[in-house]
Protein backbone atom coordinates (compact mmCIF):
# COMPACT_ATOMS: atom_id res chain seq x y z
CA UNK A 1 -0.03 0.05 -0.01
CA UNK A 2 1.31 3.58 -0.91
CA UNK A 3 2.20 5.78 1.99
CA UNK A 4 -0.91 8.12 2.77
CA UNK A 5 1.21 11.27 3.40
CA UNK A 6 4.66 12.48 4.22
CA UNK A 7 6.01 12.24 7.78
CA UNK A 8 6.27 15.39 9.75
CA UNK A 9 9.93 16.80 9.73
CA UNK A 10 9.61 19.98 11.82
CA UNK A 11 10.58 20.93 15.37
CA UNK A 12 7.16 21.14 16.84
CA UNK A 13 5.63 18.40 19.04
CA UNK A 14 4.53 15.36 17.07
CA UNK A 15 3.16 11.84 17.43
CA UNK A 16 5.41 8.81 16.83
CA UNK A 17 3.44 5.91 15.30
CA UNK A 18 4.47 2.37 16.27
CA UNK A 19 2.88 -0.56 14.31
CA UNK A 20 3.41 -3.84 12.62
CA UNK A 21 3.84 -3.64 8.82
CA UNK A 22 1.28 -6.45 8.43
CA UNK A 23 -1.29 -4.03 9.87
CA UNK A 24 -0.33 -1.15 7.71
CA UNK A 25 -3.66 -0.97 5.66
CA UNK A 26 -5.71 -0.36 8.78
CA UNK A 27 -3.12 1.76 10.54
CA UNK A 28 -2.60 4.00 7.48
CA UNK A 29 -6.37 4.59 7.45
CA UNK A 30 -6.36 5.79 11.04
CA UNK A 31 -3.27 8.01 10.85
CA UNK A 32 -4.49 9.50 7.58
CA UNK A 33 -7.66 10.63 9.42
CA UNK A 34 -5.52 12.10 12.20
CA UNK A 35 -3.36 13.88 9.74
CA UNK A 36 -6.39 15.39 7.99
CA UNK A 37 -7.52 16.65 11.39
CA UNK A 38 -4.36 18.58 11.80
CA UNK A 39 -2.10 16.24 13.96
CA UNK A 40 1.58 16.18 13.31
CA UNK A 41 2.45 12.55 12.54
CA UNK A 42 5.79 10.80 12.18
CA UNK A 43 5.96 7.18 11.03
CA UNK A 44 8.66 5.09 9.37
CA UNK A 45 8.01 6.56 5.89
CA UNK A 46 10.08 9.43 7.27
CA UNK A 47 13.54 7.75 7.41
CA UNK A 48 15.85 9.10 4.81
CA UNK A 49 17.78 6.63 2.55
CA UNK A 50 21.30 5.82 3.89
CA UNK A 51 20.45 6.92 7.47
CA UNK A 52 21.04 4.41 10.31
CA UNK A 53 17.66 2.90 11.05
CA UNK A 54 18.00 2.37 14.71
CA UNK A 55 19.62 5.68 15.48
CA UNK A 56 16.84 7.51 13.54
CA UNK A 57 14.10 5.65 15.45
CA UNK A 58 15.66 6.36 18.75
CA UNK A 59 15.99 10.07 17.94
CA UNK A 60 12.40 10.26 16.76
CA UNK A 61 11.09 8.57 19.91
CA UNK A 62 13.20 10.77 22.14
CA UNK A 63 11.96 13.98 20.51
CA UNK A 64 8.33 13.06 20.11
CA UNK A 65 5.48 14.25 22.38
CA UNK A 66 3.68 10.86 22.61
CA UNK A 67 3.66 7.33 21.15
CA UNK A 68 0.57 6.03 19.35
CA UNK A 69 0.91 2.24 19.51
CA UNK A 70 -1.23 0.02 17.31
CA UNK A 71 -1.45 -3.38 19.03
CA UNK A 72 -2.46 -6.58 17.36
CA UNK A 73 -1.40 -10.30 17.39
CA UNK A 74 1.20 -9.55 14.69
CA UNK A 75 2.48 -6.50 16.61
CA UNK A 76 3.09 -8.52 19.78
CA UNK A 77 5.26 -10.91 17.72
CA UNK A 78 7.49 -8.00 16.48
CA UNK A 79 10.79 -7.57 18.22
CA UNK A 80 11.08 -4.06 16.68
CA UNK A 81 7.89 -2.81 18.30
CA UNK A 82 9.06 -4.25 21.67
CA UNK A 83 12.33 -2.24 21.32
CA UNK A 84 10.30 0.89 20.37
CA UNK A 85 8.16 0.57 23.58
CA UNK A 86 11.29 -0.04 25.69
CA UNK A 87 12.88 3.12 24.24
CA UNK A 88 9.70 5.12 24.85
CA UNK A 89 9.55 3.99 28.50
CA UNK A 90 13.14 4.84 29.05
CA UNK A 91 12.42 8.40 27.75
CA UNK A 92 9.24 8.76 29.87
CA UNK A 93 7.03 9.12 26.83
CA UNK A 94 3.28 9.16 27.03
CA UNK A 95 2.02 6.00 25.29
CA UNK A 96 -1.52 5.52 23.82
CA UNK A 97 -2.53 2.04 22.71
CA UNK A 98 -5.07 1.21 20.06
CA UNK A 99 -6.14 -2.43 20.32
CA UNK A 100 -6.91 -3.39 16.62
CA UNK A 101 -8.16 -6.84 17.49
CA UNK A 102 -9.43 -8.76 20.50
CA UNK A 103 -6.04 -10.21 21.29
CA UNK A 104 -5.12 -9.45 24.94
CA UNK A 105 -1.71 -8.25 25.99
CA UNK A 106 0.70 -11.06 26.56
CA UNK A 107 4.19 -11.68 28.00
CA UNK A 108 6.51 -8.58 27.93
CA UNK A 109 3.78 -6.40 26.26
CA UNK A 110 1.39 -7.01 29.22
CA UNK A 111 4.29 -6.14 31.64
CA UNK A 112 5.31 -2.95 29.80
CA UNK A 113 1.79 -1.69 28.91
CA UNK A 114 -0.25 -2.70 31.89
CA UNK A 115 -0.59 0.98 33.15
CA UNK A 116 -0.93 2.42 29.67
CA UNK A 117 -4.13 4.11 28.37
CA UNK A 118 -5.81 1.81 25.81
CA UNK A 119 -8.55 2.23 23.33
CA UNK A 120 -10.27 -0.98 22.06
CA UNK A 121 -11.44 -0.37 18.56
CA UNK A 122 -13.88 -3.32 18.67
CA UNK A 123 -15.81 -1.66 21.54
CA UNK A 124 -16.34 1.65 19.73
CA UNK A 125 -18.54 0.83 16.80
CA UNK A 126 -19.22 4.48 16.05
CA UNK A 127 -16.37 5.83 14.00
CA UNK A 128 -16.65 9.39 15.13
CA UNK A 129 -16.82 8.38 18.77
CA UNK A 130 -13.58 6.40 18.24
CA UNK A 131 -11.71 9.41 16.81
CA UNK A 132 -13.11 11.66 19.52
CA UNK A 133 -11.78 9.36 22.24
CA UNK A 134 -8.46 9.03 20.38
CA UNK A 135 -8.14 12.86 20.08
CA UNK A 136 -8.76 13.20 23.80
CA UNK A 137 -5.90 10.82 24.63
CA UNK A 138 -3.41 12.47 22.24
CA UNK A 139 -3.17 15.92 23.94
CA UNK A 140 -4.37 17.90 20.89
CA UNK A 141 -3.36 21.24 22.26
CA UNK A 142 0.30 20.07 21.83
CA UNK A 143 0.08 17.97 18.67
CA UNK A 144 -2.28 19.71 16.36
CA UNK A 145 -0.79 21.64 13.47
CA UNK A 146 -0.86 25.48 13.76
CA UNK A 147 -0.84 25.88 9.99
CA UNK A 148 -4.26 27.25 9.15
CA UNK A 149 -5.38 27.89 5.57
CA UNK A 150 -7.38 31.04 4.54
CA UNK A 151 -11.04 30.76 5.35
CA UNK A 152 -10.44 27.78 7.78
CA UNK A 153 -10.99 27.97 11.54
CA UNK A 154 -10.20 25.12 13.85
CA UNK A 155 -12.82 24.88 16.53
CA UNK A 156 -13.14 22.74 19.67
CA UNK A 157 -16.71 21.90 20.67
CA UNK A 158 -17.12 21.27 24.45
CA UNK A 159 -13.89 19.52 24.77
CA UNK A 160 -14.69 17.20 21.91
CA UNK A 161 -11.58 17.02 19.70
CA UNK A 162 -13.40 17.12 16.31
CA UNK A 163 -12.40 19.69 13.66
CA UNK A 164 -14.87 21.81 11.88
CA UNK A 165 -14.15 24.23 9.09
CA UNK A 166 -16.23 27.25 8.45
CA UNK A 167 -16.52 27.57 4.75
CA UNK A 168 -18.88 29.67 2.60
CA UNK A 169 -21.03 28.00 -0.01
CA UNK A 170 -18.75 29.10 -2.84
CA UNK A 171 -15.64 27.60 -1.15
CA UNK A 172 -17.47 24.43 -0.40
CA UNK A 173 -18.38 23.87 -4.06
CA UNK A 174 -14.90 24.77 -5.03
CA UNK A 175 -13.46 22.22 -2.56
CA UNK A 176 -15.85 19.53 -3.70
CA UNK A 177 -14.94 20.16 -7.34
CA UNK A 178 -11.23 19.98 -6.60
CA UNK A 179 -11.62 16.78 -4.58
CA UNK A 180 -13.64 15.14 -7.32
CA UNK A 181 -11.11 16.20 -9.99
CA UNK A 182 -8.31 14.88 -7.78
CA UNK A 183 -10.13 11.60 -7.25
CA UNK A 184 -10.69 11.14 -11.03
CA UNK A 185 -7.04 12.00 -11.82
CA UNK A 186 -5.93 9.51 -9.10
CA UNK A 187 -8.27 6.87 -10.51
CA UNK A 188 -6.84 7.30 -14.02
CA UNK A 189 -3.24 7.31 -12.74
CA UNK A 190 -3.75 4.16 -10.62
CA UNK A 191 -5.36 2.37 -13.56
CA UNK A 192 -2.39 3.27 -15.72
CA UNK A 193 0.07 2.17 -13.00
CA UNK A 194 -1.86 -1.13 -12.54
CA UNK A 195 -1.75 -1.72 -16.32
CA UNK A 196 1.88 -0.80 -16.53
CA UNK A 197 2.75 -3.04 -13.46
CA UNK A 198 0.69 -5.90 -14.84
CA UNK A 199 2.34 -5.53 -18.24
CA UNK A 200 5.89 -5.40 -16.65
CA UNK A 201 5.05 -8.60 -14.53
CA UNK A 202 3.81 -10.39 -17.68
CA UNK A 203 6.94 -9.36 -19.50
CA UNK A 204 9.19 -10.56 -16.72
CA UNK A 205 7.31 -13.86 -16.45
CA UNK A 206 7.42 -14.33 -20.21
CA UNK A 207 11.12 -13.51 -20.28
CA UNK A 208 11.84 -15.95 -17.37
CA UNK A 209 9.86 -18.73 -19.15
CA UNK A 210 11.78 -18.17 -22.41
CA UNK A 211 15.08 -18.12 -20.51
CA UNK A 212 14.26 -21.35 -18.74
CA UNK A 213 13.14 -22.93 -22.01
CA UNK A 214 16.36 -21.93 -23.69
CA UNK A 215 18.42 -23.23 -20.77
CA UNK A 216 16.53 -26.47 -20.86
CA UNK A 217 16.97 -26.80 -24.71
CA UNK A 218 20.71 -26.20 -24.29
CA UNK A 219 20.97 -28.87 -21.54
CA UNK A 220 19.17 -31.29 -23.77
CA UNK A 221 21.51 -30.53 -26.66
CA UNK A 222 24.63 -31.07 -24.43
CA UNK A 223 23.25 -34.31 -22.99
CA UNK A 224 22.80 -35.48 -26.60
CA UNK A 225 26.37 -34.53 -27.48
CA UNK A 226 27.73 -36.32 -24.41
CA UNK A 227 25.63 -39.44 -24.77
CA UNK A 228 26.28 -39.79 -28.51
CA UNK A 229 30.08 -39.88 -27.97
CA UNK A 230 30.87 -43.45 -26.86
CA UNK A 231 34.43 -42.94 -25.65
CA UNK A 232 34.75 -46.51 -24.45
CA UNK A 233 34.23 -47.94 -28.00
CA UNK A 234 36.70 -45.40 -29.37
CA UNK A 235 39.39 -46.54 -26.89
CA UNK A 236 38.77 -50.18 -27.62
CA UNK A 237 39.15 -49.48 -31.36
CA UNK A 238 42.56 -47.94 -30.67
CA UNK A 239 43.72 -50.97 -28.70
CA UNK A 240 42.51 -53.36 -31.35
CA UNK A 241 44.59 -51.54 -33.97
CA UNK A 242 47.77 -52.11 -32.05
CA UNK A 243 47.14 -55.57 -30.52
CA UNK A 244 45.99 -57.11 -33.78
CA UNK A 245 48.35 -55.50 -36.20
CA UNK A 246 47.93 -56.81 -39.80
CA UNK A 247 50.75 -58.20 -42.03
CA UNK A 248 52.13 -54.64 -42.42
CA UNK A 249 53.24 -53.27 -38.96
CA UNK A 250 54.17 -49.91 -40.46
CA UNK A 251 50.72 -49.40 -41.86
CA UNK A 252 49.09 -50.63 -38.67
CA UNK A 253 51.28 -48.29 -36.49
CA UNK A 254 50.39 -45.37 -38.72
CA UNK A 255 46.64 -46.09 -38.32
CA UNK A 256 47.27 -46.50 -34.61
CA UNK A 257 48.84 -43.01 -34.33
CA UNK A 258 46.18 -41.55 -36.50
CA UNK A 259 43.41 -43.03 -34.30
CA UNK A 260 45.03 -41.63 -31.12
CA UNK A 261 45.23 -38.13 -32.74
CA UNK A 262 41.55 -38.31 -33.73
CA UNK A 263 40.65 -39.64 -30.34
CA UNK A 264 42.41 -36.72 -28.56
CA UNK A 265 40.46 -34.16 -30.54
CA UNK A 266 37.20 -36.02 -29.94
CA UNK A 267 37.88 -36.42 -26.26
CA UNK A 268 38.66 -32.69 -25.83
CA UNK A 269 35.28 -31.89 -27.45
CA UNK A 270 33.67 -34.44 -25.09
CA UNK A 271 35.14 -32.66 -22.02
CA UNK A 272 34.16 -29.24 -23.45
CA UNK A 273 30.52 -30.48 -23.76
CA UNK A 274 30.56 -32.02 -20.15
CA UNK A 275 32.11 -28.76 -18.89
CA UNK A 276 29.30 -26.70 -20.54
CA UNK A 277 26.72 -29.09 -19.08
CA UNK A 278 28.32 -28.55 -15.63
CA UNK A 279 28.10 -24.77 -16.01
CA UNK A 280 24.44 -24.84 -17.01
CA UNK A 281 23.52 -27.15 -14.10
CA UNK A 282 25.64 -25.09 -11.67
CA UNK A 283 24.09 -21.68 -12.53
CA UNK A 284 20.51 -22.89 -12.84
CA UNK A 285 18.21 -23.27 -9.74
CA UNK A 286 14.86 -23.93 -11.34
CA UNK A 287 15.30 -27.04 -13.34
CA UNK A 288 16.75 -29.65 -10.86
CA UNK A 289 16.05 -29.95 -7.10
CA UNK A 290 18.98 -28.95 -4.78
CA UNK A 291 20.08 -32.50 -3.61
CA UNK A 292 20.14 -33.92 -7.14
CA UNK A 293 21.90 -30.82 -8.41
CA UNK A 294 24.64 -31.14 -5.74
CA UNK A 295 25.07 -34.81 -6.63
CA UNK A 296 25.56 -34.11 -10.32
CA UNK A 297 27.83 -31.25 -9.66
CA UNK A 298 30.04 -33.36 -7.39
CA UNK A 299 30.44 -36.16 -9.90
CA UNK A 300 30.92 -33.99 -13.00
CA UNK A 301 33.53 -31.77 -11.19
CA UNK A 302 35.38 -35.00 -10.24
CA UNK A 303 35.34 -36.11 -13.88
CA UNK A 304 36.55 -32.81 -15.13
CA UNK A 305 39.72 -33.48 -13.20
CA UNK A 306 40.90 -35.57 -16.28
CA UNK A 307 41.24 -32.26 -18.14
CA UNK A 308 44.78 -31.98 -16.74
CA UNK A 309 45.55 -35.59 -17.77
CA UNK A 310 44.54 -35.03 -21.35
CA UNK A 311 46.44 -31.69 -21.60
CA UNK A 312 49.62 -33.48 -20.49
CA UNK A 313 48.96 -36.46 -22.72
CA UNK A 314 48.33 -34.10 -25.79
CA UNK A 315 51.61 -32.31 -25.14
CA UNK A 316 53.75 -35.42 -24.64
CA UNK A 317 52.17 -37.35 -27.46
CA UNK A 318 52.85 -34.44 -29.95
CA UNK A 319 56.54 -34.49 -28.85
CA UNK A 320 56.71 -38.27 -29.39
CA UNK A 321 55.14 -37.88 -32.88
CA UNK A 322 57.78 -35.46 -33.91
CA UNK A 323 60.48 -37.89 -32.77
CA UNK A 324 58.86 -40.76 -34.65
CA UNK A 325 58.58 -38.63 -37.83
CA UNK A 326 62.39 -37.85 -37.66
CA UNK A 327 63.12 -41.52 -37.03
CA UNK A 328 61.15 -42.61 -40.14
CA UNK A 329 62.96 -40.11 -42.31
CA UNK A 330 66.43 -41.03 -41.12
CA UNK A 331 66.13 -44.80 -41.67
CA UNK A 332 65.09 -47.06 -44.56
CA UNK A 333 61.76 -48.90 -44.68
CA UNK A 334 63.31 -52.21 -43.41
CA UNK A 335 64.74 -50.52 -40.33
CA UNK A 336 61.39 -48.91 -39.53
CA UNK A 337 59.68 -52.19 -40.15
CA UNK A 338 62.04 -54.00 -37.69
CA UNK A 339 61.45 -51.32 -35.00
CA UNK A 340 57.67 -51.15 -35.21
CA UNK A 341 57.22 -54.94 -35.58
CA UNK A 342 59.38 -55.78 -32.52
CA UNK A 343 57.89 -52.98 -30.48
CA UNK A 344 54.34 -54.27 -31.14
CA UNK A 345 55.44 -57.83 -30.42
CA UNK A 346 57.11 -56.69 -27.24
CA UNK A 347 53.94 -54.86 -26.15
CA UNK A 348 51.79 -57.99 -26.84
CA UNK A 349 54.28 -60.06 -24.91
CA UNK A 350 54.00 -57.76 -21.92
CA UNK A 351 50.21 -58.14 -22.10
CA UNK A 352 50.36 -61.91 -22.00
CA UNK A 353 52.93 -61.78 -19.12
CA UNK A 354 51.56 -59.16 -16.69
CA UNK A 355 53.84 -60.39 -13.84
CA UNK A 356 56.92 -59.35 -15.69
CA UNK A 357 57.79 -55.63 -15.15
CA UNK A 358 58.17 -53.55 -18.29
CA UNK A 359 61.88 -52.88 -17.54
CA UNK A 360 62.50 -56.69 -17.72
CA UNK A 361 60.19 -57.39 -20.66
CA UNK A 362 62.80 -56.80 -23.34
CA UNK A 363 65.32 -59.28 -21.79
CA UNK A 364 62.62 -61.96 -21.19
CA UNK A 365 61.22 -61.34 -24.69
CA UNK A 366 64.71 -62.03 -26.26
CA UNK A 367 65.06 -65.27 -24.24
CA UNK A 368 61.71 -66.51 -25.49
CA UNK A 369 62.68 -65.66 -29.09
CA UNK A 370 65.95 -67.36 -28.92
CA UNK A 371 64.16 -70.60 -27.84
CA UNK A 372 61.10 -70.42 -30.04
CA UNK A 373 61.41 -68.06 -32.99
CA UNK A 374 64.89 -67.89 -34.48
CA UNK A 375 63.94 -65.66 -37.29
CA UNK A 376 62.62 -62.94 -35.00
CA UNK A 377 65.53 -63.45 -32.69
CA UNK A 378 67.86 -62.80 -35.66
CA UNK A 379 65.90 -59.72 -36.34
CA UNK A 380 66.50 -58.50 -32.78
CA UNK A 381 70.20 -59.16 -33.19
CA UNK A 382 70.25 -57.10 -36.43
CA UNK A 383 68.49 -54.36 -34.55
CA UNK A 384 71.35 -54.44 -31.92
CA UNK A 385 73.98 -54.18 -34.68
CA UNK A 386 72.15 -51.26 -36.31
CA UNK A 387 71.62 -49.49 -32.97
CA UNK A 388 67.88 -49.82 -33.30
CA UNK A 389 67.16 -51.33 -29.94
CA UNK A 390 66.59 -48.07 -28.12
CA UNK A 391 64.06 -47.12 -30.77
CA UNK A 392 62.17 -50.47 -30.27
CA UNK A 393 62.11 -49.87 -26.52
CA UNK A 394 61.02 -46.23 -26.99
CA UNK A 395 58.10 -47.25 -29.23
CA UNK A 396 57.24 -50.03 -26.76
CA UNK A 397 57.15 -47.44 -23.88
CA UNK A 398 55.07 -45.13 -26.04
CA UNK A 399 52.43 -47.86 -26.65
CA UNK A 400 52.41 -48.68 -22.84
CA UNK A 401 52.10 -44.95 -22.03
CA UNK A 402 49.08 -44.55 -24.37
CA UNK A 403 47.49 -47.72 -22.97
CA UNK A 404 47.85 -46.36 -19.43
CA UNK A 405 46.30 -42.95 -20.33
CA UNK A 406 43.46 -44.70 -22.27
CA UNK A 407 42.67 -46.74 -19.21
CA UNK A 408 42.35 -43.46 -17.15
CA UNK A 409 40.01 -41.95 -19.76
CA UNK A 410 37.92 -45.12 -20.01
CA UNK A 411 37.48 -45.30 -16.20
CA UNK A 412 36.56 -41.62 -15.97
CA UNK A 413 34.01 -42.03 -18.77
CA UNK A 414 32.46 -45.07 -16.98
CA UNK A 415 32.16 -43.03 -13.71
CA UNK A 416 30.38 -40.12 -15.38
CA UNK A 417 28.00 -41.96 -17.80
CA UNK A 418 25.41 -43.17 -15.04
CA UNK A 419 24.79 -39.53 -14.11
CA UNK A 420 24.58 -38.44 -17.69
CA UNK A 421 21.97 -41.18 -18.22
CA UNK A 422 20.02 -39.97 -15.20
CA UNK A 423 20.10 -36.41 -16.69
CA UNK A 424 18.79 -37.83 -19.90
CA UNK A 425 15.77 -39.20 -18.05
CA UNK A 426 15.16 -35.87 -16.38
CA UNK A 427 15.54 -33.87 -19.70
CA UNK A 428 13.99 -36.10 -22.34
CA UNK A 429 13.44 -34.81 -25.87
CA UNK A 430 10.14 -32.85 -26.08
């Protein structure tokens, strides 16, 4: 409800109004009547922006002539009103209570206001009688305004504090015309404000709905992107290429390197989509309940920790590719064939013998070849003579390193997928 009038700001005696904001509709009706009858009124409309609230209230109570306290069930529950009464008592202020409902004084209010003059509104059905009794209690000789307009005389009738204005017929008609004109203007203004407010509310609601729909659509798109990218199958395809190399090890190894490069790019896009999904869930409060949201955030954040792993892998793998490229250009095809073939065989040997450490795999592999496969053993000896053995071991370690990283990515993917599937159920295609 709009404030009915401006609070008094002068130095003359005034009334301090204490009330619960839940009662403001009824309170404003009463203080508006008092203001129209000439009483100087201060209520919390009068605190300037930026001023300390408590200091201002204490100053207003200290300097007022009396306190008009509107008591209701809500008011007795307000700690602020309790503090205002305490402050008024400390400064020996005259307190007048208006009982807005039939609720009796309870607890500290009963203790503080037991000796205070009270007016029970419910017992005074006659409105004029109610305001007459209220005027009696408020010491009108001290709190009425001394500002008189031309052609207006304030009269007191037999101690009854009602205000009468002596107006001639012309002034009465003029006053009525002005009042009607103001009422009509106010009606038009309020209607415009209501329409404007209603339009603004509709626009805000429509804008919010559009924003929520856009967010929902983007989440659905990101879930689609994440679900459609089966990282586990991509990793398995890479492993198959190296474990089951065809008759041309050079060709198999080239395809293997190419698959890893494609996988890296694909996995980086996958992480980017998961990260965007995480950001949308993190910043949106309306589409997922709080407990589920926290669960998704926790698991997705844990998954995004592999981002560091893939950056390191990308950097180191690029360096290895440069080294392999130089190796291929510096040796003939047969040397390259020997290195790649033996590196792949050594890797497969390590897989079939998990109890043998990688550092010892080369020596154990040579022993097995010497006993079982003389031609490959001869190839190893040739490699020694041509100083190719370090290259074989380097390629072997590269394959093992890739295998280890792929395992990390696969496990991370397996951890996150159940929660992505849950999100899919919550955000189905519309």
